[in-house]
Amino acid sequence: MYSPASLPFEHAPVASCSSKTKPRELEDSLLNWYKSTTIPPSESRDSLRRRRMMPLRRAVSVAELLVEAVNLFVNEKRIDLEIQAWTATISQFGKRTDQWLSVMCSINTAIKEIGDFEKWMKIMEFDSQSINAAIHNIHQA
């Protein structure tokens, strides 16, 4: 069996998921729980009862820390899913914006063409009037 000094998790740091817990709190709780399970034979009944209750309290503490870590993991997953949903919404909004921009460019082009056509019509009208005036001058002369 392992002695408390040679436990493999005593020296290996465990990353904590919680901002409330200290990084080594979970591994310290596990180490304290292990140390409290070994009871020397020369203890009184009260101290023996207290020492027997300590592992339970520490196990509860470890369980609470594990539940908190799992809850934080679940919250992180929810946040990731919301980020993905917002990313998809933003992408759709960008596509719709591009479509509206394309439609507006088409409308602007059509308006320019109408303006060009109107200018061409005025030029044609002026040229027709000039030709008509020239023909009228030729007939009168």
Protein backbone atom coordinates (compact mmCIF):
# COMPACT_ATOMS: atom_id res chain seq x y z
CA MET A 1 0.00 0.00 0.00
CA TYR A 2 1.08 3.61 -0.36
CA SER A 3 2.46 5.63 2.47
CA PRO A 4 1.03 9.18 2.71
CA ALA A 5 4.33 10.64 1.53
CA SER A 6 4.48 8.45 -1.59
CA LEU A 7 0.95 9.02 -2.87
CA PRO A 8 1.08 9.66 -6.62
CA PHE A 9 -1.35 12.60 -6.43
CA GLU A 10 0.42 14.36 -3.59
CA HIS A 11 2.99 16.04 -5.84
CA ALA A 12 1.10 16.19 -9.13
CA PRO A 13 -0.87 19.43 -9.49
CA VAL A 14 -4.49 19.07 -10.43
CA ALA A 15 -6.05 21.94 -12.36
CA SER A 16 -9.13 23.33 -10.68
CA CYS A 17 -12.20 24.30 -12.68
CA SER A 18 -13.57 26.62 -10.03
CA SER A 19 -12.73 30.21 -9.39
CA LYS A 20 -13.93 29.75 -5.76
CA THR A 21 -11.68 26.79 -4.93
CA LYS A 22 -7.93 26.97 -4.64
CA PRO A 23 -5.97 24.85 -7.13
CA ARG A 24 -4.75 22.33 -4.56
CA GLU A 25 -7.91 22.21 -2.43
CA LEU A 26 -9.32 19.10 -4.10
CA GLU A 27 -6.08 17.13 -3.91
CA ASP A 28 -5.49 18.32 -0.32
CA SER A 29 -8.98 17.11 0.60
CA LEU A 30 -8.30 13.72 -0.96
CA LEU A 31 -4.93 13.48 0.83
CA ASN A 32 -6.45 14.45 4.20
CA TRP A 33 -9.22 11.91 3.70
CA TYR A 34 -6.65 9.18 3.03
CA LYS A 35 -4.56 10.15 6.05
CA SER A 36 -7.59 10.18 8.32
CA THR A 37 -8.60 6.61 7.44
CA THR A 38 -5.62 5.12 9.27
CA ILE A 39 -6.39 4.98 13.01
CA PRO A 40 -3.78 4.15 15.65
CA PRO A 41 -4.96 1.53 18.24
CA SER A 42 -4.23 3.63 21.36
CA GLU A 43 -7.03 6.17 21.03
CA SER A 44 -10.05 6.76 23.26
CA ARG A 45 -13.61 6.16 22.05
CA ASP A 46 -14.39 9.85 21.57
CA SER A 47 -11.27 10.55 19.60
CA LEU A 48 -11.84 7.32 17.69
CA ARG A 49 -15.40 8.43 16.84
CA ARG A 50 -14.12 11.87 15.82
CA ARG A 51 -11.43 10.30 13.66
CA ARG A 52 -14.03 8.04 12.06
CA MET A 53 -16.25 11.03 11.31
CA MET A 54 -13.38 13.02 9.79
CA PRO A 55 -13.11 10.85 6.67
CA LEU A 56 -16.85 11.20 6.14
CA ARG A 57 -16.67 14.97 6.47
CA ARG A 58 -13.70 15.10 4.17
CA ALA A 59 -15.38 12.76 1.68
CA VAL A 60 -18.40 15.07 1.71
CA SER A 61 -16.07 18.01 1.12
CA VAL A 62 -14.40 16.20 -1.78
CA ALA A 63 -17.80 15.29 -3.21
CA GLU A 64 -18.95 18.91 -2.98
CA LEU A 65 -15.80 20.06 -4.77
CA LEU A 66 -16.33 17.47 -7.49
CA VAL A 67 -19.99 18.49 -7.91
CA GLU A 68 -18.92 22.13 -8.16
CA ALA A 69 -16.34 21.23 -10.81
CA VAL A 70 -18.95 19.26 -12.79
CA ASN A 71 -21.43 22.16 -12.52
CA LEU A 72 -18.80 24.55 -13.82
CA PHE A 73 -18.09 22.17 -16.70
CA VAL A 74 -21.82 22.02 -17.53
CA ASN A 75 -22.02 25.83 -17.41
CA GLU A 76 -19.02 26.08 -19.74
CA LYS A 77 -20.74 23.70 -22.17
CA ARG A 78 -23.91 25.83 -22.06
CA ILE A 79 -21.89 28.95 -22.75
CA ASP A 80 -20.16 27.20 -25.66
CA LEU A 81 -23.55 26.21 -27.12
CA GLU A 82 -24.81 29.79 -26.77
CA ILE A 83 -21.66 31.07 -28.47
CA GLN A 84 -22.23 28.64 -31.36
CA ALA A 85 -25.86 29.77 -31.65
CA TRP A 86 -24.84 33.44 -31.68
CA THR A 87 -22.13 32.70 -34.25
CA ALA A 88 -24.71 31.06 -36.53
CA THR A 89 -27.09 34.01 -36.05
CA ILE A 90 -24.34 36.50 -36.84
CA SER A 91 -23.38 34.49 -39.92
CA GLN A 92 -26.99 34.52 -41.16
CA PHE A 93 -27.21 38.25 -40.46
CA GLY A 94 -24.03 38.81 -42.48
CA LYS A 95 -25.45 36.82 -45.40
CA ARG A 96 -28.70 38.82 -45.31
CA THR A 97 -26.74 42.05 -45.15
CA ASP A 98 -24.75 40.98 -48.21
CA GLN A 99 -28.01 40.18 -50.02
CA TRP A 100 -29.45 43.61 -49.16
CA LEU A 101 -26.24 45.26 -50.29
CA SER A 102 -26.43 43.39 -53.59
CA VAL A 103 -30.06 44.46 -54.07
CA MET A 104 -29.16 48.09 -53.28
CA CYS A 105 -26.28 48.00 -55.79
CA SER A 106 -28.68 46.64 -58.41
CA ILE A 107 -31.17 49.42 -57.65
CA ASN A 108 -28.41 52.04 -57.87
CA THR A 109 -27.29 50.60 -61.21
CA ALA A 110 -30.87 50.65 -62.50
CA ILE A 111 -31.30 54.28 -61.38
CA LYS A 112 -28.04 55.23 -63.10
CA GLU A 113 -29.22 53.47 -66.27
CA ILE A 114 -32.52 55.36 -66.08
CA GLY A 115 -30.58 58.59 -65.66
CA ASP A 116 -28.34 57.66 -68.58
CA PHE A 117 -31.40 56.80 -70.68
CA GLU A 118 -33.03 60.11 -69.76
CA LYS A 119 -29.85 61.98 -70.71
CA TRP A 120 -29.68 60.03 -73.98
CA MET A 121 -33.34 60.92 -74.68
CA LYS A 122 -32.61 64.62 -74.10
CA ILE A 123 -29.60 64.43 -76.42
CA MET A 124 -31.73 62.66 -79.04
CA GLU A 125 -34.46 65.27 -78.65
CA PHE A 126 -31.95 68.11 -79.05
CA ASP A 127 -30.38 66.40 -82.09
CA SER A 128 -33.85 65.85 -83.61
CA GLN A 129 -34.72 69.50 -83.07
CA SER A 130 -31.41 70.54 -84.63
CA ILE A 131 -32.02 68.28 -87.64
CA ASN A 132 -35.61 69.55 -87.89
CA ALA A 133 -34.41 73.16 -87.78
CA ALA A 134 -31.77 72.43 -90.44
CA ILE A 135 -34.36 70.79 -92.72
CA HIS A 136 -36.75 73.69 -92.10
CA ASN A 137 -34.01 76.19 -92.99
CA ILE A 138 -33.22 74.24 -96.18
CA HIS A 139 -36.89 74.30 -97.25
CA GLN A 140 -37.18 78.02 -96.66
CA ALA A 141 -34.06 78.88 -98.52
